[in-house]
PDB file of N, CA and C in Angstrom:
ATOM      1  N   UNK A   1     111.662  20.617 151.179  1.00  0.00           N
ATOM      2  CA  UNK A   1     112.973  21.048 151.621  1.00  0.00           C
ATOM      3  C   UNK A   1     113.569  21.972 150.561  1.00  0.00           C
ATOM      4  N   UNK A   2     114.223  23.012 150.987  1.00  0.00           N
ATOM      5  CA  UNK A   2     114.911  23.945 150.092  1.00  0.00           C
ATOM      6  C   UNK A   2     116.398  23.681 150.185  1.00  0.00           C
ATOM      7  N   UNK A   3     117.061  23.574 149.032  1.00  0.00           N
ATOM      8  CA  UNK A   3     118.514  23.385 148.980  1.00  0.00           C
ATOM      9  C   UNK A   3     119.104  24.538 148.168  1.00  0.00           C
ATOM     10  N   UNK A   4     120.160  25.125 148.669  1.00  0.00           N
ATOM     11  CA  UNK A   4     120.835  26.207 147.955  1.00  0.00           C
ATOM     12  C   UNK A   4     121.961  25.600 147.119  1.00  0.00           C
ATOM     13  N   UNK A   5     121.902  25.833 145.815  1.00  0.00           N
ATOM     14  CA  UNK A   5     122.875  25.271 144.887  1.00  0.00           C
ATOM     15  C   UNK A   5     123.519  26.372 144.061  1.00  0.00           C
ATOM     16  N   UNK A   6     124.591  26.047 143.390  1.00  0.00           N
ATOM     17  CA  UNK A   6     125.339  27.003 142.573  1.00  0.00           C
ATOM     18  C   UNK A   6     124.893  26.903 141.120  1.00  0.00           C
ATOM     19  N   UNK A   7     124.747  28.057 140.482  1.00  0.00           N
ATOM     20  CA  UNK A   7     124.469  28.101 139.048  1.00  0.00           C
ATOM     21  C   UNK A   7     125.591  28.892 138.385  1.00  0.00           C
ATOM     22  N   UNK A   8     126.273  28.253 137.463  1.00  0.00           N
ATOM     23  CA  UNK A   8     127.301  28.929 136.656  1.00  0.00           C
ATOM     24  C   UNK A   8     126.709  29.087 135.266  1.00  0.00           C
ATOM     25  N   UNK A   9     126.613  30.318 134.812  1.00  0.00           N
ATOM     26  CA  UNK A   9     125.984  30.592 133.521  1.00  0.00           C
ATOM     27  C   UNK A   9     127.023  31.218 132.606  1.00  0.00           C
ATOM     28  N   UNK A  10     127.144  30.637 131.425  1.00  0.00           N
ATOM     29  CA  UNK A  10     128.174  31.064 130.489  1.00  0.00           C
ATOM     30  C   UNK A  10     127.559  31.371 129.123  1.00  0.00           C
ATOM     31  N   UNK A  11     127.996  32.457 128.521  1.00  0.00           N
ATOM     32  CA  UNK A  11     127.538  32.850 127.192  1.00  0.00           C
ATOM     33  C   UNK A  11     128.167  31.928 126.162  1.00  0.00           C
ATOM     34  N   UNK A  12     127.351  31.410 125.277  1.00  0.00           N
ATOM     35  CA  UNK A  12     127.831  30.619 124.148  1.00  0.00           C
ATOM     36  C   UNK A  12     127.430  31.355 122.875  1.00  0.00           C
ATOM     37  N   UNK A  13     127.774  30.805 121.737  1.00  0.00           N
ATOM     38  CA  UNK A  13     127.485  31.480 120.468  1.00  0.00           C
ATOM     39  C   UNK A  13     126.012  31.840 120.318  1.00  0.00           C
ATOM     40  N   UNK A  14     125.137  30.907 120.622  1.00  0.00           N
ATOM     41  CA  UNK A  14     123.708  31.140 120.425  1.00  0.00           C
ATOM     42  C   UNK A  14     122.928  30.929 121.716  1.00  0.00           C
ATOM     43  N   UNK A  15     123.235  31.730 122.721  1.00  0.00           N
ATOM     44  CA  UNK A  15     122.500  31.628 123.972  1.00  0.00           C
ATOM     45  C   UNK A  15     123.410  31.448 125.163  1.00  0.00           C
ATOM     46  N   UNK A  16     122.869  30.821 126.203  1.00  0.00           N
ATOM     47  CA  UNK A  16     123.575  30.665 127.464  1.00  0.00           C
ATOM     48  C   UNK A  16     123.446  29.230 127.964  1.00  0.00           C
ATOM     49  N   UNK A  17     124.492  28.744 128.595  1.00  0.00           N
ATOM     50  CA  UNK A  17     124.498  27.424 129.207  1.00  0.00           C
ATOM     51  C   UNK A  17     124.589  27.626 130.715  1.00  0.00           C
ATOM     52  N   UNK A  18     123.739  26.949 131.461  1.00  0.00           N
ATOM     53  CA  UNK A  18     123.738  27.029 132.913  1.00  0.00           C
ATOM     54  C   UNK A  18     124.108  25.668 133.472  1.00  0.00           C
ATOM     55  N   UNK A  19     124.986  25.658 134.460  1.00  0.00           N
ATOM     56  CA  UNK A  19     125.519  24.424 135.017  1.00  0.00           C
ATOM     57  C   UNK A  19     125.492  24.477 136.538  1.00  0.00           C
ATOM     58  N   UNK A  20     125.087  23.379 137.145  1.00  0.00           N
ATOM     59  CA  UNK A  20     125.114  23.243 138.595  1.00  0.00           C
ATOM     60  C   UNK A  20     126.200  22.218 138.964  1.00  0.00           C
ATOM     61  N   UNK A  21     127.334  22.672 139.495  1.00  0.00           N
ATOM     62  CA  UNK A  21     128.430  21.744 139.774  1.00  0.00           C
ATOM     63  C   UNK A  21     128.152  20.778 140.934  1.00  0.00           C
ATOM     64  N   UNK A  22     127.235  21.104 141.818  1.00  0.00           N
ATOM     65  CA  UNK A  22     126.978  20.211 142.944  1.00  0.00           C
ATOM     66  C   UNK A  22     126.449  18.849 142.499  1.00  0.00           C
ATOM     67  N   UNK A  23     125.681  18.814 141.417  1.00  0.00           N
ATOM     68  CA  UNK A  23     125.096  17.532 140.962  1.00  0.00           C
ATOM     69  C   UNK A  23     125.354  17.268 139.476  1.00  0.00           C
ATOM     70  N   UNK A  24     126.192  18.087 138.845  1.00  0.00           N
ATOM     71  CA  UNK A  24     126.525  17.922 137.432  1.00  0.00           C
ATOM     72  C   UNK A  24     125.294  17.909 136.539  1.00  0.00           C
ATOM     73  N   UNK A  25     124.431  18.891 136.725  1.00  0.00           N
ATOM     74  CA  UNK A  25     123.231  19.065 135.902  1.00  0.00           C
ATOM     75  C   UNK A  25     123.388  20.366 135.130  1.00  0.00           C
ATOM     76  N   UNK A  26     123.030  20.337 133.835  1.00  0.00           N
ATOM     77  CA  UNK A  26     123.140  21.519 132.987  1.00  0.00           C
ATOM     78  C   UNK A  26     121.852  21.733 132.213  1.00  0.00           C
ATOM     79  N   UNK A  27     121.681  22.974 131.755  1.00  0.00           N
ATOM     80  CA  UNK A  27     120.560  23.322 130.892  1.00  0.00           C
ATOM     81  C   UNK A  27     120.998  24.525 130.065  1.00  0.00           C
ATOM     82  N   UNK A  28     120.087  25.068 129.275  1.00  0.00           N
ATOM     83  CA  UNK A  28     120.450  26.204 128.420  1.00  0.00           C
ATOM     84  C   UNK A  28     119.242  27.092 128.199  1.00  0.00           C
ATOM     85  N   UNK A  29     119.471  28.255 127.614  1.00  0.00           N
ATOM     86  CA  UNK A  29     118.398  29.177 127.295  1.00  0.00           C
ATOM     87  C   UNK A  29     118.895  30.289 126.397  1.00  0.00           C
ATOM     88  N   UNK A  30     117.974  31.049 125.863  1.00  0.00           N
ATOM     89  CA  UNK A  30     118.326  32.152 124.964  1.00  0.00           C
ATOM     90  C   UNK A  30     118.803  33.376 125.729  1.00  0.00           C
ATOM     91  N   UNK A  31     118.441  33.499 127.005  1.00  0.00           N
ATOM     92  CA  UNK A  31     118.863  34.615 127.847  1.00  0.00           C
ATOM     93  C   UNK A  31     119.404  34.039 129.158  1.00  0.00           C
ATOM     94  N   UNK A  32     120.048  34.880 129.948  1.00  0.00           N
ATOM     95  CA  UNK A  32     120.531  34.457 131.264  1.00  0.00           C
ATOM     96  C   UNK A  32     119.357  33.995 132.118  1.00  0.00           C
ATOM     97  N   UNK A  33     118.287  34.779 132.137  1.00  0.00           N
ATOM     98  CA  UNK A  33     117.129  34.430 132.955  1.00  0.00           C
ATOM     99  C   UNK A  33     116.505  33.116 132.513  1.00  0.00           C
ATOM    100  N   UNK A  34     116.418  32.900 131.211  1.00  0.00           N
ATOM    101  CA  UNK A  34     115.840  31.647 130.700  1.00  0.00           C
ATOM    102  C   UNK A  34     116.733  30.457 131.030  1.00  0.00           C
ATOM    103  N   UNK A  35     118.040  30.616 130.895  1.00  0.00           N
ATOM    104  CA  UNK A  35     118.967  29.543 131.238  1.00  0.00           C
ATOM    105  C   UNK A  35     118.875  29.202 132.726  1.00  0.00           C
ATOM    106  N   UNK A  36     118.774  30.236 133.557  1.00  0.00           N
ATOM    107  CA  UNK A  36     118.650  30.018 135.009  1.00  0.00           C
ATOM    108  C   UNK A  36     117.345  29.307 135.339  1.00  0.00           C
ATOM    109  N   UNK A  37     116.253  29.737 134.737  1.00  0.00           N
ATOM    110  CA  UNK A  37     114.947  29.100 134.990  1.00  0.00           C
ATOM    111  C   UNK A  37     114.950  27.660 134.500  1.00  0.00           C
ATOM    112  N   UNK A  38     115.549  27.411 133.338  1.00  0.00           N
ATOM    113  CA  UNK A  38     115.603  26.048 132.813  1.00  0.00           C
ATOM    114  C   UNK A  38     116.479  25.143 133.690  1.00  0.00           C
ATOM    115  N   UNK A  39     117.560  25.704 134.236  1.00  0.00           N
ATOM    116  CA  UNK A  39     118.400  24.923 135.146  1.00  0.00           C
ATOM    117  C   UNK A  39     117.634  24.590 136.413  1.00  0.00           C
ATOM    118  N   UNK A  40     116.908  25.557 136.938  1.00  0.00           N
ATOM    119  CA  UNK A  40     116.099  25.321 138.145  1.00  0.00           C
ATOM    120  C   UNK A  40     115.107  24.189 137.893  1.00  0.00           C
ATOM    121  N   UNK A  41     114.451  24.229 136.752  1.00  0.00           N
ATOM    122  CA  UNK A  41     113.485  23.169 136.414  1.00  0.00           C
ATOM    123  C   UNK A  41     114.184  21.814 136.275  1.00  0.00           C
ATOM    124  N   UNK A  42     115.355  21.791 135.606  1.00  0.00           N
ATOM    125  CA  UNK A  42     116.104  20.533 135.455  1.00  0.00           C
ATOM    126  C   UNK A  42     116.533  19.988 136.807  1.00  0.00           C
ATOM    127  N   UNK A  43     116.948  20.861 137.714  1.00  0.00           N
ATOM    128  CA  UNK A  43     117.353  20.416 139.050  1.00  0.00           C
ATOM    129  C   UNK A  43     116.169  19.867 139.834  1.00  0.00           C
ATOM    130  N   UNK A  44     115.029  20.540 139.756  1.00  0.00           N
ATOM    131  CA  UNK A  44     113.839  20.041 140.447  1.00  0.00           C
ATOM    132  C   UNK A  44     113.420  18.678 139.914  1.00  0.00           C
ATOM    133  N   UNK A  45     113.505  18.491 138.601  1.00  0.00           N
ATOM    134  CA  UNK A  45     113.182  17.186 138.020  1.00  0.00           C
ATOM    135  C   UNK A  45     114.189  16.127 138.451  1.00  0.00           C
ATOM    136  N   UNK A  46     115.471  16.516 138.499  1.00  0.00           N
ATOM    137  CA  UNK A  46     116.496  15.559 138.960  1.00  0.00           C
ATOM    138  C   UNK A  46     116.190  15.089 140.371  1.00  0.00           C
ATOM    139  N   UNK A  47     115.950  16.027 141.294  1.00  0.00           N
ATOM    140  CA  UNK A  47     115.701  15.644 142.682  1.00  0.00           C
ATOM    141  C   UNK A  47     114.388  14.894 142.850  1.00  0.00           C
ATOM    142  N   UNK A  48     113.439  15.145 141.972  1.00  0.00           N
ATOM    143  CA  UNK A  48     112.140  14.464 142.023  1.00  0.00           C
ATOM    144  C   UNK A  48     112.235  13.021 141.519  1.00  0.00           C
ATOM    145  N   UNK A  49     113.080  12.778 140.515  1.00  0.00           N
ATOM    146  CA  UNK A  49     113.095  11.466 139.868  1.00  0.00           C
ATOM    147  C   UNK A  49     114.289  10.582 140.222  1.00  0.00           C
ATOM    148  N   UNK A  50     115.384  11.158 140.658  1.00  0.00           N
ATOM    149  CA  UNK A  50     116.581  10.363 140.947  1.00  0.00           C
ATOM    150  C   UNK A  50     116.395   9.577 142.244  1.00  0.00           C
ATOM    151  N   UNK A  51     117.024   8.429 142.275  1.00  0.00           N
ATOM    152  CA  UNK A  51     116.971   7.629 143.500  1.00  0.00           C
ATOM    153  C   UNK A  51     117.863   8.282 144.564  1.00  0.00           C
ATOM    154  N   UNK A  52     117.605   7.980 145.827  1.00  0.00           N
ATOM    155  CA  UNK A  52     118.463   8.521 146.892  1.00  0.00           C
ATOM    156  C   UNK A  52     119.936   8.142 146.692  1.00  0.00           C
ATOM    157  N   UNK A  53     120.182   6.958 146.167  1.00  0.00           N
ATOM    158  CA  UNK A  53     121.560   6.511 145.926  1.00  0.00           C
ATOM    159  C   UNK A  53     122.235   7.381 144.869  1.00  0.00           C
ATOM    160  N   UNK A  54     121.496   7.690 143.778  1.00  0.00           N
ATOM    161  CA  UNK A  54     122.082   8.533 142.729  1.00  0.00           C
ATOM    162  C   UNK A  54     122.322   9.942 143.246  1.00  0.00           C
ATOM    163  N   UNK A  55     121.398  10.479 143.990  1.00  0.00           N
ATOM    164  CA  UNK A  55     121.577  11.817 144.553  1.00  0.00           C
ATOM    165  C   UNK A  55     122.811  11.843 145.448  1.00  0.00           C
ATOM    166  N   UNK A  56     122.945  10.855 146.327  1.00  0.00           N
ATOM    167  CA  UNK A  56     124.101  10.818 147.227  1.00  0.00           C
ATOM    168  C   UNK A  56     125.412  10.659 146.494  1.00  0.00           C
ATOM    169  N   UNK A  57     125.409   9.886 145.394  1.00  0.00           N
ATOM    170  CA  UNK A  57     126.653   9.669 144.666  1.00  0.00           C
ATOM    171  C   UNK A  57     127.057  10.891 143.848  1.00  0.00           C
ATOM    172  N   UNK A  58     126.093  11.719 143.447  1.00  0.00           N
ATOM    173  CA  UNK A  58     126.399  12.886 142.608  1.00  0.00           C
ATOM    174  C   UNK A  58     126.514  14.180 143.386  1.00  0.00           C
ATOM    175  N   UNK A  59     125.956  14.256 144.570  1.00  0.00           N
ATOM    176  CA  UNK A  59     125.892  15.504 145.303  1.00  0.00           C
ATOM    177  C   UNK A  59     127.251  15.840 145.944  1.00  0.00           C
ATOM    178  N   UNK A  60     127.786  16.980 145.556  1.00  0.00           N
ATOM    179  CA  UNK A  60     129.017  17.509 146.144  1.00  0.00           C
ATOM    180  C   UNK A  60     128.589  18.604 147.109  1.00  0.00           C
ATOM    181  N   UNK A  61     128.795  18.390 148.384  1.00  0.00           N
ATOM    182  CA  UNK A  61     128.348  19.338 149.396  1.00  0.00           C
ATOM    183  C   UNK A  61     129.114  20.658 149.375  1.00  0.00           C
ATOM    184  N   UNK A  62     130.407  20.608 149.034  1.00  0.00           N
ATOM    185  CA  UNK A  62     131.219  21.827 149.048  1.00  0.00           C
ATOM    186  C   UNK A  62     131.694  22.135 147.630  1.00  0.00           C
ATOM    187  N   UNK A  63     131.267  23.288 147.139  1.00  0.00           N
ATOM    188  CA  UNK A  63     131.714  23.765 145.821  1.00  0.00           C
ATOM    189  C   UNK A  63     132.173  25.199 146.005  1.00  0.00           C
ATOM    190  N   UNK A  64     133.331  25.519 145.490  1.00  0.00           N
ATOM    191  CA  UNK A  64     133.882  26.856 145.618  1.00  0.00           C
ATOM    192  C   UNK A  64     134.045  27.456 144.230  1.00  0.00           C
ATOM    193  N   UNK A  65     133.519  28.653 144.047  1.00  0.00           N
ATOM    194  CA  UNK A  65     133.671  29.374 142.792  1.00  0.00           C
ATOM    195  C   UNK A  65     134.584  30.554 143.067  1.00  0.00           C
ATOM    196  N   UNK A  66     135.656  30.624 142.305  1.00  0.00           N
ATOM    197  CA  UNK A  66     136.638  31.678 142.524  1.00  0.00           C
ATOM    198  C   UNK A  66     137.271  32.034 141.184  1.00  0.00           C
ATOM    199  N   UNK A  67     138.066  33.067 141.176  1.00  0.00           N
ATOM    200  CA  UNK A  67     138.785  33.447 139.976  1.00  0.00           C
ATOM    201  C   UNK A  67     140.288  33.256 140.202  1.00  0.00           C
ATOM    202  N   UNK A  68     140.970  32.947 139.137  1.00  0.00           N
ATOM    203  CA  UNK A  68     142.425  32.763 139.185  1.00  0.00           C
ATOM    204  C   UNK A  68     143.083  33.749 138.262  1.00  0.00           C
ATOM    205  N   UNK A  69     144.285  34.167 138.600  1.00  0.00           N
ATOM    206  CA  UNK A  69     145.097  34.996 137.710  1.00  0.00           C
ATOM    207  C   UNK A  69     146.124  34.080 137.072  1.00  0.00           C
ATOM    208  N   UNK A  70     146.116  33.986 135.750  1.00  0.00           N
ATOM    209  CA  UNK A  70     146.980  33.056 135.030  1.00  0.00           C
ATOM    210  C   UNK A  70     147.747  33.815 133.942  1.00  0.00           C
ATOM    211  N   UNK A  71     149.021  33.581 133.855  1.00  0.00           N
ATOM    212  CA  UNK A  71     149.845  34.205 132.813  1.00  0.00           C
ATOM    213  C   UNK A  71     149.572  33.471 131.490  1.00  0.00           C
ATOM    214  N   UNK A  72     149.336  34.239 130.435  1.00  0.00           N
ATOM    215  CA  UNK A  72     149.117  33.660 129.107  1.00  0.00           C
ATOM    216  C   UNK A  72     150.086  34.355 128.126  1.00  0.00           C
ATOM    217  N   UNK A  73     150.543  33.558 127.193  1.00  0.00           N
ATOM    218  CA  UNK A  73     151.412  34.129 126.144  1.00  0.00           C
ATOM    219  C   UNK A  73     152.789  34.358 126.499  1.00  0.00           C
TER     220      UNK A  73
END
């Protein structure tokens, strides 16, 4: 089965952090592509090893990524 999930990738001081909000799984890498590939691997391992109960308790079916305009200062 193929599942479409969200990957949020953020630059950190020494590389990139990739996060999947649907199941709260994260990984990292030295480049965007490496962080994305590592997250994909982490997600595949999660779905392979987690019990159905854990998957159901962590899986958020609806995730929305948007931008906000916020006044600062």
